[in-house]
Amino acid sequence: MTITNRVLLLGASALALTGCEADQIVSPGTSGDINVDIDNPAPAPTPTPTSGTLVTPAAGCPTINSTGGLTDRGTISGPTGEYRRCELPSLIDADDTLTYVPGLLYELPGRVDIGADQGFSSTGSTVELTIQPGVTVYGATGRSFLVANRGNQLIANGTVDRPIVFTSRDNVLGLSTDDSTGQWGGVVLLGRAPVSDCYLGGFNTTAAPNNNPQCEQELEGTNTLTLFGGSNSADSSGSLSYVQIRYSGFSLAPGKELQSLTTGGVGSGTTFNHIMTFNSSDDGMEFFGGTVRMKYVAAIGADDDTVDVDTGAQADMQYVLGVQRSAGGDNLIELDSPDGDYSTAAIPQTRLRVSDFTFIQRSSSSSQVVRARGGAKLVLANGVLDTDDKTCIRIDETVTINADPDFLSLVGDCNAGQPFRGTSGATDAQVKAQFDADSTANVANFTLTLAAFINGSNENGVAVFDASTLSNWFDATANIGAVTSASDTWYRNWTCNSSIADFGSSNGFCTRLPVY
């Protein structure tokens, strides 16, 4: 629950590697083994084209407004060609745009800040960094990461055909594999929405969470004091759409890791949709406090939790596909507060509501799919759990049972011996009672007919909960699950393909940069 290179492949060798990857990675519906669910066939995907033309470097770096500008660091070569490297300054101190230029990559030399922290009570946006569709930004070192500080914004809106890619130097060089993780830091957005675990002033124990002006948190995974939190639940830290974040999660110190995507105190004015995280060495994404709204999520291959939510976050998610690697991963959801906060002392109470999701549990090291603790409120609706014979739901502490978790049209092939688990004062029977209480559509011994991650007839036969009754932010849907049919292709083309989850995307494999 924390925030937070080696051989050049060219020419025939790169082409040979690409050919091997294509043989090993099987899309839903292709003949052969399907990595995420080998028992069921699936409809054929759109073929992934392979470009025969290598990229050539841009002539130079464009001009930006920030002090120091971009620094031309020469070129870098990999299996997709040669690129101009344009190094960002350590501080973006003016409104700037990273334009798409063929043959050009933007480089993070270390920590890069978007604006300076404007403080708890600030208003408006001071500095905005806009990233154009098709741009690739990469971390030059393991300690590289991008952080939008409070009162500043990151505007990174790609398109279906030209997503924005945040990745590592090794990925550029062609050295990353489907098992690589932790090659750079990640993307961090900080804001001025309420949080519950205060850096100064102790817990907020008042009935109204905005009454404690000291309730700020400190960003973990960095050696520089970086605070977030405020009193504006509708604050905006920018917009991310059609974005990939690959191979992130570098550990600065034990227990101080960054995620692919970390949010701290971001408000509901922040836009998140069509977000892919791939092979984070820690969580796929973690929300620390704030009011998070996110739709269309593909969180693939995280080494720890796929989604981690804590310290007062009010998080809503819809259309979520989570797939683990067999070699790594803990829970698909971890919902809690910091160690020792197992009471109602931390206000606002952490709450996570997820609807229309499919979770593929494949980790050999985790014993459950979903874990809730610390008195947090959990709501899961219209979900499919492919558990690989694991416990579906684990709840720790009586205080979390008392928070009345809701399970609404949720099915899974849960472990027959222990489909539900209660610990630290909660019992297995109490967890089962919560699962059984809300919906007759809940089934723990469900026979899955998934084709990879795509619903089959059994999933589409389950009665659907109207998620719009939770909040008008949620859509009412006709079926449970993240991907309801072969024609439901929200995940395609803006994502990248891998042996963990092949989306049939035209942008190619996660191990290579997209070429336009």
Protein backbone atom coordinates (compact mmCIF):
# COMPACT_ATOMS: atom_id res chain seq x y z
CA MET A 1 0.00 0.00 0.00
CA THR A 2 2.62 2.51 -1.02
CA ILE A 3 3.01 5.25 -3.56
CA THR A 4 5.60 5.56 -5.19
CA ASN A 5 19.23 -1.82 -19.84
CA ARG A 6 21.58 -3.69 -21.89
CA VAL A 7 21.67 -4.86 -25.61
CA LEU A 8 20.69 -2.95 -28.74
CA LEU A 9 18.48 -4.93 -31.09
CA LEU A 10 18.58 -3.81 -34.71
CA GLY A 11 17.97 -5.06 -38.20
CA ALA A 12 17.42 -8.77 -38.66
CA SER A 13 17.76 -9.50 -34.95
CA ALA A 14 14.89 -7.15 -34.13
CA LEU A 15 12.76 -8.66 -36.85
CA ALA A 16 13.48 -12.11 -35.55
CA LEU A 17 12.48 -11.06 -32.04
CA THR A 18 9.26 -9.58 -33.34
CA GLY A 19 8.47 -12.80 -35.11
CA CYS A 20 8.99 -14.80 -31.92
CA GLU A 21 6.67 -12.50 -29.99
CA ALA A 22 3.97 -12.87 -32.58
CA ASP A 23 4.15 -16.64 -32.31
CA GLN A 24 3.96 -16.62 -28.54
CA ILE A 25 1.17 -14.10 -28.05
CA VAL A 26 -2.26 -15.35 -28.97
CA SER A 27 -5.20 -13.00 -29.38
CA PRO A 28 -8.70 -13.92 -28.30
CA GLY A 29 -9.99 -16.38 -30.86
CA THR A 30 -6.71 -17.31 -32.53
CA SER A 31 -5.74 -20.96 -32.52
CA GLY A 32 -3.38 -22.16 -29.84
CA ASP A 33 -3.14 -21.36 -26.14
CA ILE A 34 -4.92 -18.29 -24.82
CA ASN A 35 -2.93 -16.93 -21.93
CA VAL A 36 -5.71 -15.52 -19.81
CA ASP A 37 -8.25 -18.32 -20.14
CA ILE A 38 -7.09 -21.42 -21.94
CA ASP A 39 -10.38 -23.26 -21.60
CA ASN A 40 -12.52 -21.16 -23.92
CA PRO A 41 -12.14 -20.02 -27.54
CA ALA A 42 -12.80 -16.39 -28.44
CA PRO A 43 -13.69 -14.36 -31.51
CA ALA A 44 -10.88 -13.37 -33.86
CA PRO A 45 -9.39 -9.91 -33.29
CA THR A 46 -8.42 -7.28 -35.77
CA PRO A 47 -4.93 -8.26 -37.07
CA THR A 48 -2.00 -6.32 -35.67
CA PRO A 49 -0.07 -4.77 -38.56
CA THR A 50 3.72 -4.71 -38.55
CA SER A 51 5.46 -1.69 -39.99
CA GLY A 52 8.40 -2.48 -42.25
CA THR A 53 9.66 1.11 -42.14
CA LEU A 54 12.03 2.14 -39.35
CA VAL A 55 11.69 5.55 -37.76
CA THR A 56 14.28 8.20 -38.64
CA PRO A 57 15.26 10.90 -36.15
CA ALA A 58 13.72 14.37 -36.13
CA ALA A 59 16.09 17.15 -37.14
CA GLY A 60 15.98 18.84 -33.75
CA CYS A 61 13.94 19.66 -30.66
CA PRO A 62 11.00 22.06 -30.70
CA THR A 63 10.87 25.20 -28.57
CA ILE A 64 8.93 25.27 -25.30
CA ASN A 65 8.23 28.14 -22.90
CA SER A 66 9.66 26.73 -19.66
CA THR A 67 12.98 27.97 -18.33
CA GLY A 68 15.86 26.05 -19.88
CA GLY A 69 13.71 24.68 -22.67
CA LEU A 70 14.29 21.26 -24.19
CA THR A 71 17.84 19.90 -24.38
CA ASP A 72 18.88 17.95 -27.47
CA ARG A 73 20.55 14.76 -26.18
CA GLY A 74 21.30 13.28 -29.58
CA THR A 75 19.64 10.11 -30.75
CA ILE A 76 18.67 6.71 -29.41
CA SER A 77 18.03 3.57 -31.45
CA GLY A 78 15.87 0.52 -30.98
CA PRO A 79 13.98 -2.07 -33.01
CA THR A 80 11.55 0.53 -34.35
CA GLY A 81 14.28 2.90 -35.54
CA GLU A 82 16.25 5.95 -34.44
CA TYR A 83 14.80 8.86 -32.48
CA ARG A 84 15.83 12.38 -31.46
CA ARG A 85 15.96 12.67 -27.63
CA CYS A 86 14.59 15.93 -26.26
CA GLU A 87 15.19 16.21 -22.52
CA LEU A 88 12.63 18.05 -20.42
CA PRO A 89 13.75 20.56 -17.79
CA SER A 90 13.30 19.48 -14.18
CA LEU A 91 10.56 22.10 -13.73
CA ILE A 92 7.82 23.01 -16.19
CA ASP A 93 7.29 26.58 -15.00
CA ALA A 94 5.11 27.93 -17.83
CA ASP A 95 2.19 26.65 -19.88
CA ASP A 96 3.74 24.30 -22.42
CA THR A 97 2.83 21.77 -25.09
CA LEU A 98 4.77 18.65 -26.05
CA THR A 99 3.98 18.46 -29.75
CA TYR A 100 3.97 15.25 -31.75
CA VAL A 101 6.96 15.18 -34.10
CA PRO A 102 7.81 12.02 -36.07
CA GLY A 103 11.09 10.52 -34.89
CA LEU A 104 11.15 12.45 -31.60
CA LEU A 105 10.92 11.26 -27.99
CA TYR A 106 10.60 13.40 -24.86
CA GLU A 107 12.96 12.32 -22.08
CA LEU A 108 12.50 12.61 -18.31
CA PRO A 109 16.04 12.96 -16.86
CA GLY A 110 14.80 12.36 -13.30
CA ARG A 111 11.92 13.90 -11.39
CA VAL A 112 10.09 16.44 -13.58
CA ASP A 113 7.60 18.76 -11.84
CA ILE A 114 4.67 20.45 -13.51
CA GLY A 115 4.57 23.70 -11.58
CA ALA A 116 5.37 24.23 -7.93
CA ASP A 117 2.99 23.22 -5.14
CA GLN A 118 0.36 25.96 -4.78
CA GLY A 119 -0.79 24.83 -1.37
CA PHE A 120 -3.91 23.58 0.38
CA SER A 121 -6.12 26.64 -0.10
CA SER A 122 -5.05 27.76 -3.58
CA THR A 123 -7.53 28.07 -6.46
CA GLY A 124 -7.29 27.85 -10.23
CA SER A 125 -4.49 26.38 -12.32
CA THR A 126 -1.02 27.92 -12.42
CA VAL A 127 0.88 25.79 -14.97
CA GLU A 128 -0.54 23.40 -17.55
CA LEU A 129 1.50 20.86 -19.49
CA THR A 130 -0.33 19.58 -22.57
CA ILE A 131 0.82 16.45 -24.39
CA GLN A 132 -0.40 15.84 -27.92
CA PRO A 133 -1.73 12.51 -29.28
CA GLY A 134 0.98 10.14 -30.46
CA VAL A 135 3.71 11.53 -28.18
CA THR A 136 6.00 9.13 -26.32
CA VAL A 137 7.59 10.27 -23.05
CA TYR A 138 10.19 7.98 -21.46
CA GLY A 139 12.13 7.82 -18.23
CA ALA A 140 15.87 7.98 -18.84
CA THR A 141 16.61 6.49 -15.41
CA GLY A 142 14.87 4.36 -12.82
CA ARG A 143 14.30 7.49 -10.73
CA SER A 144 12.55 9.38 -13.52
CA PHE A 145 8.94 10.34 -12.98
CA LEU A 146 6.46 13.07 -13.87
CA VAL A 147 4.44 14.84 -11.17
CA ALA A 148 1.73 17.48 -11.55
CA ASN A 149 1.81 19.38 -8.25
CA ARG A 150 -1.22 20.89 -6.50
CA GLY A 151 -2.68 23.80 -8.42
CA ASN A 152 -1.18 22.69 -11.75
CA GLN A 153 -2.44 20.39 -14.49
CA LEU A 154 -1.34 17.63 -16.83
CA ILE A 155 -3.44 17.53 -20.01
CA ALA A 156 -2.57 14.27 -21.79
CA ASN A 157 -5.36 13.36 -24.19
CA GLY A 158 -4.48 10.85 -26.85
CA THR A 159 -6.79 9.23 -29.37
CA VAL A 160 -7.81 5.66 -30.20
CA ASP A 161 -5.31 5.54 -33.07
CA ARG A 162 -2.62 7.64 -31.42
CA PRO A 163 -2.45 7.07 -27.67
CA ILE A 164 0.07 8.87 -25.49
CA VAL A 165 2.72 6.47 -24.20
CA PHE A 166 4.72 6.89 -20.99
CA THR A 167 7.46 4.27 -20.82
CA SER A 168 11.08 3.37 -20.04
CA ARG A 169 14.44 3.70 -21.77
CA ASP A 170 14.66 -0.08 -22.01
CA ASN A 171 11.36 -0.17 -23.86
CA VAL A 172 12.77 2.31 -26.39
CA LEU A 173 15.88 0.14 -26.78
CA GLY A 174 13.82 -3.01 -27.28
CA LEU A 175 15.06 -4.67 -24.08
CA SER A 176 11.76 -4.89 -22.20
CA THR A 177 9.84 -8.16 -22.12
CA ASP A 178 6.41 -9.23 -20.91
CA ASP A 179 8.03 -9.92 -17.51
CA SER A 180 9.92 -6.61 -17.16
CA THR A 181 8.84 -4.19 -14.43
CA GLY A 182 10.15 -1.20 -12.45
CA GLN A 183 12.24 0.47 -15.15
CA TRP A 184 11.26 4.05 -14.27
CA GLY A 185 8.98 5.87 -11.82
CA GLY A 186 5.56 6.66 -13.24
CA VAL A 187 2.95 9.41 -13.54
CA VAL A 188 1.71 11.29 -10.46
CA LEU A 189 -1.20 13.72 -10.24
CA LEU A 190 -1.71 15.69 -7.02
CA GLY A 191 -4.64 17.87 -6.07
CA ARG A 192 -6.64 19.75 -3.46
CA ALA A 193 -9.45 17.34 -2.62
CA PRO A 194 -9.94 16.02 0.94
CA VAL A 195 -7.70 13.27 2.34
CA SER A 196 -7.95 11.41 5.63
CA ASP A 197 -4.44 10.69 6.89
CA CYS A 198 -2.82 13.97 7.79
CA TYR A 199 0.86 14.79 7.44
CA LEU A 200 0.34 17.52 10.03
CA GLY A 201 -2.28 17.96 12.72
CA GLY A 202 -3.37 14.36 13.28
CA PHE A 203 -6.43 12.60 11.96
CA ASN A 204 -9.43 14.59 10.87
CA THR A 205 -11.98 13.40 13.42
CA THR A 206 -14.63 16.05 12.85
CA ALA A 207 -17.97 15.23 11.28
CA ALA A 208 -17.16 17.45 8.28
CA PRO A 209 -13.90 16.43 6.58
CA ASN A 210 -13.11 19.95 5.35
CA ASN A 211 -12.87 21.43 8.84
CA ASN A 212 -9.25 20.40 9.38
CA PRO A 213 -7.03 22.83 7.43
CA GLN A 214 -3.96 20.76 8.25
CA CYS A 215 -5.20 17.57 6.58
CA GLU A 216 -2.55 17.02 3.92
CA GLN A 217 -0.63 13.93 2.94
CA GLU A 218 2.96 13.37 1.88
CA LEU A 219 3.70 11.66 -1.42
CA GLU A 220 5.57 8.41 -0.87
CA GLY A 221 8.16 7.15 -3.33
CA THR A 222 10.11 10.42 -3.44
CA ASN A 223 12.94 11.88 -1.38
CA THR A 224 11.56 15.44 -1.56
CA LEU A 225 8.69 16.53 0.68
CA THR A 226 5.68 16.70 -1.63
CA LEU A 227 2.27 17.44 -0.13
CA PHE A 228 -1.26 17.03 -1.45
CA GLY A 229 -4.82 17.43 -0.23
CA GLY A 230 -7.20 20.31 0.34
CA SER A 231 -10.87 21.13 0.76
CA ASN A 232 -12.11 21.13 -2.86
CA SER A 233 -13.59 17.75 -3.79
CA ALA A 234 -14.23 19.04 -7.34
CA ASP A 235 -10.62 20.14 -7.92
CA SER A 236 -9.03 19.42 -11.30
CA SER A 237 -5.49 18.14 -11.79
CA GLY A 238 -6.01 17.87 -15.55
CA SER A 239 -7.11 15.20 -17.97
CA LEU A 240 -5.74 11.80 -19.02
CA SER A 241 -7.38 9.88 -21.85
CA TYR A 242 -6.14 7.21 -24.24
CA VAL A 243 -2.92 6.86 -22.27
CA GLN A 244 -0.55 3.92 -21.76
CA ILE A 245 1.85 3.79 -18.79
CA ARG A 246 4.35 0.95 -19.21
CA TYR A 247 7.10 -0.73 -17.11
CA SER A 248 6.98 1.69 -14.18
CA GLY A 249 7.18 1.47 -10.39
CA PHE A 250 10.87 1.95 -9.59
CA SER A 251 11.62 1.53 -5.88
CA LEU A 252 13.54 4.45 -4.34
CA ALA A 253 13.80 2.62 -1.02
CA PRO A 254 12.11 -0.36 0.67
CA GLY A 255 8.40 0.46 1.02
CA LYS A 256 8.76 3.59 -1.13
CA GLU A 257 7.65 2.65 -4.61
CA LEU A 258 5.84 4.58 -7.28
CA GLN A 259 2.92 3.09 -9.20
CA SER A 260 2.19 3.32 -12.90
CA LEU A 261 -0.41 5.93 -12.00
CA THR A 262 -0.53 7.57 -8.59
CA THR A 263 -3.15 10.11 -7.59
CA GLY A 264 -3.07 12.12 -4.39
CA GLY A 265 -6.02 14.28 -3.44
CA VAL A 266 -7.22 14.73 -7.02
CA GLY A 267 -10.77 16.02 -7.36
CA SER A 268 -13.73 14.99 -9.48
CA GLY A 269 -12.86 17.74 -11.97
CA THR A 270 -9.94 15.57 -13.09
CA THR A 271 -10.79 13.48 -16.17
CA PHE A 272 -9.65 9.87 -16.46
CA ASN A 273 -10.81 7.63 -19.28
CA HIS A 274 -9.17 4.95 -21.43
CA ILE A 275 -6.19 4.39 -19.16
CA MET A 276 -3.85 1.41 -19.55
CA THR A 277 -1.17 0.48 -17.04
CA PHE A 278 1.24 -2.29 -17.96
CA ASN A 279 3.70 -4.20 -15.76
CA SER A 280 4.10 -1.89 -12.80
CA SER A 281 6.53 -3.26 -10.23
CA ASP A 282 4.09 -2.10 -7.54
CA ASP A 283 0.39 -1.30 -8.03
CA GLY A 284 -1.19 -0.73 -11.39
CA MET A 285 -2.73 2.40 -9.90
CA GLU A 286 -3.19 3.77 -6.42
CA PHE A 287 -5.53 6.50 -5.24
CA PHE A 288 -4.54 8.34 -2.05
CA GLY A 289 -7.53 10.33 -0.89
CA GLY A 290 -9.38 12.62 -3.26
CA THR A 291 -12.44 12.12 -5.42
CA VAL A 292 -11.48 9.90 -8.36
CA ARG A 293 -13.73 9.14 -11.34
CA MET A 294 -12.40 6.74 -13.97
CA LYS A 295 -13.93 4.86 -16.92
CA TYR A 296 -12.45 2.36 -19.37
CA VAL A 297 -9.43 0.95 -17.59
CA ALA A 298 -7.05 -1.86 -18.58
CA ALA A 299 -4.66 -2.62 -15.72
CA ILE A 300 -2.33 -5.41 -16.80
CA GLY A 301 0.54 -7.30 -15.17
CA ALA A 302 1.05 -5.36 -11.92
CA ASP A 303 3.47 -6.95 -9.45
CA ASP A 304 1.43 -5.88 -6.42
CA ASP A 305 -2.22 -4.82 -6.42
CA THR A 306 -4.00 -4.00 -9.64
CA VAL A 307 -6.04 -1.21 -8.00
CA ASP A 308 -5.18 0.13 -4.53
CA VAL A 309 -7.47 2.66 -2.85
CA ASP A 310 -6.94 4.21 0.58
CA THR A 311 -6.63 7.18 2.97
CA GLY A 312 -10.03 8.69 2.41
CA ALA A 313 -10.33 8.27 -1.36
CA GLN A 314 -13.83 8.48 -2.80
CA ALA A 315 -13.26 6.43 -5.95
CA ASP A 316 -15.70 5.39 -8.67
CA MET A 317 -14.66 3.17 -11.58
CA GLN A 318 -16.60 1.63 -14.47
CA TYR A 319 -15.55 -0.68 -17.31
CA VAL A 320 -12.43 -2.11 -15.68
CA LEU A 321 -10.37 -5.03 -16.98
CA GLY A 322 -7.66 -6.30 -14.64
CA VAL A 323 -5.34 -9.14 -15.67
CA GLN A 324 -2.43 -10.48 -13.63
CA ARG A 325 0.81 -12.14 -14.64
CA SER A 326 1.34 -15.58 -13.13
CA ALA A 327 4.81 -14.47 -12.02
CA GLY A 328 3.59 -11.49 -10.01
CA GLY A 329 0.64 -9.77 -8.43
CA ASP A 330 -1.21 -9.62 -5.15
CA ASN A 331 -4.87 -8.55 -4.99
CA LEU A 332 -6.86 -7.25 -7.92
CA ILE A 333 -8.33 -4.78 -5.43
CA GLU A 334 -6.84 -3.68 -2.15
CA LEU A 335 -9.03 -1.27 -0.24
CA ASP A 336 -7.93 0.11 3.10
CA SER A 337 -6.47 2.82 5.27
CA PRO A 338 -2.90 3.03 6.66
CA ASP A 339 -1.78 0.43 9.19
CA GLY A 340 -3.21 1.23 12.60
CA ASP A 341 -6.14 3.26 11.25
CA TYR A 342 -8.62 0.41 11.74
CA SER A 343 -11.32 2.60 13.26
CA THR A 344 -13.65 5.39 12.27
CA ALA A 345 -11.04 7.98 13.31
CA ALA A 346 -9.94 8.79 9.75
CA ILE A 347 -12.52 10.95 7.96
CA PRO A 348 -13.55 10.86 5.13
CA GLN A 349 -14.08 7.12 5.17
CA THR A 350 -12.38 5.46 2.21
CA ARG A 351 -14.94 4.30 -0.35
CA LEU A 352 -14.54 2.38 -3.61
CA ARG A 353 -17.36 1.64 -6.05
CA VAL A 354 -16.57 -0.45 -9.15
CA SER A 355 -19.09 -1.52 -11.77
CA ASP A 356 -18.86 -3.53 -14.99
CA PHE A 357 -15.52 -5.19 -14.42
CA THR A 358 -13.70 -8.42 -15.18
CA PHE A 359 -10.79 -9.52 -13.00
CA ILE A 360 -8.46 -12.30 -14.14
CA GLN A 361 -6.57 -13.64 -11.09
CA ARG A 362 -3.42 -15.51 -12.17
CA SER A 363 -0.88 -14.73 -9.45
CA SER A 364 0.80 -17.73 -7.85
CA SER A 365 1.54 -15.66 -4.72
CA SER A 366 -1.87 -14.21 -3.83
CA SER A 367 -4.68 -16.12 -2.14
CA GLN A 368 -7.62 -13.80 -2.90
CA VAL A 369 -8.96 -11.52 -5.63
CA VAL A 370 -10.43 -8.69 -3.54
CA ARG A 371 -9.27 -7.55 -0.09
CA ALA A 372 -10.97 -4.86 1.99
CA ARG A 373 -9.88 -3.68 5.43
CA GLY A 374 -9.50 -0.66 7.67
CA GLY A 375 -13.20 0.19 7.85
CA ALA A 376 -13.36 1.15 4.18
CA LYS A 377 -16.65 0.93 2.25
CA LEU A 378 -16.61 -1.46 -0.74
CA VAL A 379 -19.25 -1.64 -3.49
CA LEU A 380 -18.77 -4.12 -6.35
CA ALA A 381 -21.44 -4.32 -9.07
CA ASN A 382 -21.82 -6.25 -12.32
CA GLY A 383 -18.50 -8.04 -11.94
CA VAL A 384 -16.84 -11.26 -13.13
CA LEU A 385 -14.08 -12.87 -11.06
CA ASP A 386 -11.94 -15.47 -12.85
CA THR A 387 -10.07 -16.61 -9.77
CA ASP A 388 -7.84 -19.50 -10.82
CA ASP A 389 -9.30 -21.38 -7.80
CA LYS A 390 -8.65 -18.62 -5.26
CA THR A 391 -10.73 -16.96 -2.56
CA CYS A 392 -12.98 -14.32 -4.12
CA ILE A 393 -13.50 -11.88 -1.25
CA ARG A 394 -11.42 -11.30 1.86
CA ILE A 395 -12.49 -8.82 4.53
CA ASP A 396 -10.29 -7.91 7.49
CA GLU A 397 -11.59 -6.55 10.83
CA THR A 398 -15.09 -6.24 12.18
CA VAL A 399 -15.05 -2.50 11.40
CA THR A 400 -14.94 -3.34 7.68
CA ILE A 401 -17.88 -5.72 8.02
CA ASN A 402 -19.70 -2.94 9.84
CA ALA A 403 -19.05 -0.65 6.88
CA ASP A 404 -21.58 -2.91 5.07
CA PRO A 405 -19.82 -3.92 1.83
CA ASP A 406 -22.20 -4.35 -1.10
CA PHE A 407 -21.99 -7.07 -3.77
CA LEU A 408 -24.45 -6.54 -6.61
CA SER A 409 -24.63 -9.00 -9.53
CA LEU A 410 -21.19 -10.45 -8.85
CA VAL A 411 -20.14 -13.91 -10.07
CA GLY A 412 -16.94 -15.91 -9.77
CA ASP A 413 -15.44 -19.37 -9.93
CA CYS A 414 -14.32 -19.02 -6.32
CA ASN A 415 -12.33 -21.64 -4.44
CA ALA A 416 -14.82 -24.27 -3.29
CA GLY A 417 -13.10 -24.75 0.06
CA GLN A 418 -12.90 -21.08 1.00
CA PRO A 419 -14.74 -18.76 -1.40
CA PHE A 420 -14.88 -16.07 1.33
CA ARG A 421 -12.40 -15.23 4.04
CA GLY A 422 -12.65 -13.13 7.15
CA THR A 423 -9.65 -12.26 9.32
CA SER A 424 -8.68 -10.08 12.29
CA GLY A 425 -12.09 -10.28 13.91
CA ALA A 426 -14.18 -10.82 10.79
CA THR A 427 -15.30 -14.39 10.03
CA ASP A 428 -15.76 -16.35 6.83
CA ALA A 429 -19.47 -16.64 7.64
CA GLN A 430 -19.83 -12.86 7.98
CA VAL A 431 -18.21 -12.28 4.59
CA LYS A 432 -20.49 -14.88 3.00
CA ALA A 433 -23.52 -13.24 4.60
CA GLN A 434 -22.55 -9.90 3.06
CA PHE A 435 -22.13 -11.55 -0.34
CA ASP A 436 -25.51 -13.26 -0.11
CA ALA A 437 -27.45 -10.29 1.27
CA ASP A 438 -27.61 -7.85 -1.63
CA SER A 439 -28.46 -9.72 -4.80
CA THR A 440 -29.85 -13.10 -5.80
CA ALA A 441 -27.63 -12.78 -8.90
CA ASN A 442 -24.48 -13.24 -6.81
CA VAL A 443 -22.93 -16.67 -7.46
CA ALA A 444 -19.63 -17.86 -5.95
CA ASN A 445 -19.51 -21.23 -7.75
CA PHE A 446 -20.26 -19.80 -11.18
CA THR A 447 -19.35 -21.70 -14.37
CA LEU A 448 -17.41 -19.22 -16.45
CA THR A 449 -17.73 -19.14 -20.24
CA LEU A 450 -15.28 -16.29 -20.79
CA ALA A 451 -13.37 -16.29 -24.06
CA ALA A 452 -10.17 -14.82 -22.65
CA PHE A 453 -11.69 -11.68 -21.06
CA ILE A 454 -14.82 -11.52 -23.27
CA ASN A 455 -18.19 -12.58 -21.86
CA GLY A 456 -19.77 -15.82 -22.94
CA SER A 457 -23.39 -16.93 -22.71
CA ASN A 458 -23.28 -17.63 -18.97
CA GLU A 459 -21.96 -14.19 -18.07
CA ASN A 460 -24.47 -12.48 -20.34
CA GLY A 461 -27.26 -14.47 -18.71
CA VAL A 462 -26.74 -12.88 -15.29
CA ALA A 463 -29.27 -10.33 -14.08
CA VAL A 464 -27.78 -6.83 -14.20
CA PHE A 465 -27.75 -4.27 -11.39
CA ASP A 466 -28.62 -0.71 -12.46
CA ALA A 467 -25.37 1.04 -11.54
CA SER A 468 -26.89 4.45 -12.25
CA THR A 469 -28.74 4.10 -8.94
CA LEU A 470 -25.38 4.35 -7.17
CA SER A 471 -24.71 7.69 -8.81
CA ASN A 472 -25.69 9.37 -12.06
CA TRP A 473 -21.99 9.23 -12.99
CA PHE A 474 -22.39 5.48 -13.60
CA ASP A 475 -23.99 4.20 -16.80
CA ALA A 476 -26.82 1.70 -16.70
CA THR A 477 -25.70 -1.35 -18.72
CA ALA A 478 -27.27 -4.42 -20.30
CA ASN A 479 -24.73 -7.01 -19.10
CA ILE A 480 -22.24 -7.59 -16.34
CA GLY A 481 -18.47 -7.64 -16.96
CA ALA A 482 -15.95 -5.32 -18.62
CA VAL A 483 -16.23 -6.70 -22.17
CA THR A 484 -19.65 -8.07 -23.00
CA SER A 485 -19.20 -9.35 -26.58
CA ALA A 486 -16.85 -9.52 -29.54
CA SER A 487 -18.34 -6.26 -30.80
CA ASP A 488 -17.60 -4.51 -27.51
CA THR A 489 -14.15 -3.21 -28.46
CA TRP A 490 -13.54 -0.24 -26.15
CA TYR A 491 -10.16 -1.77 -25.21
CA ARG A 492 -8.79 -2.07 -28.75
CA ASN A 493 -6.11 -0.08 -30.66
CA TRP A 494 -5.26 2.51 -27.99
CA THR A 495 -3.80 -0.31 -25.86
CA CYS A 496 -0.76 -2.50 -26.51
CA ASN A 497 -0.62 -6.29 -26.88
CA SER A 498 1.19 -8.83 -24.72
CA SER A 499 1.19 -12.49 -23.76
CA ILE A 500 -0.65 -11.42 -20.59
CA ALA A 501 -3.59 -9.91 -22.46
CA ASP A 502 -3.59 -9.57 -26.23
CA PHE A 503 -6.10 -6.93 -27.24
CA GLY A 504 -5.68 -7.27 -30.99
CA SER A 505 -4.60 -3.63 -31.02
CA SER A 506 -3.20 -2.10 -34.19
CA ASN A 507 -0.59 -0.18 -32.16
CA GLY A 508 1.33 -3.43 -31.65
CA PHE A 509 3.15 -5.05 -28.76
CA CYS A 510 3.94 -3.45 -25.42
CA THR A 511 7.57 -4.48 -25.92
CA ARG A 512 7.86 -2.06 -28.87
CA LEU A 513 7.04 1.59 -29.43
CA PRO A 514 4.08 2.31 -31.73
CA VAL A 515 5.00 3.51 -35.21
CA TYR A 516 2.66 5.89 -37.08
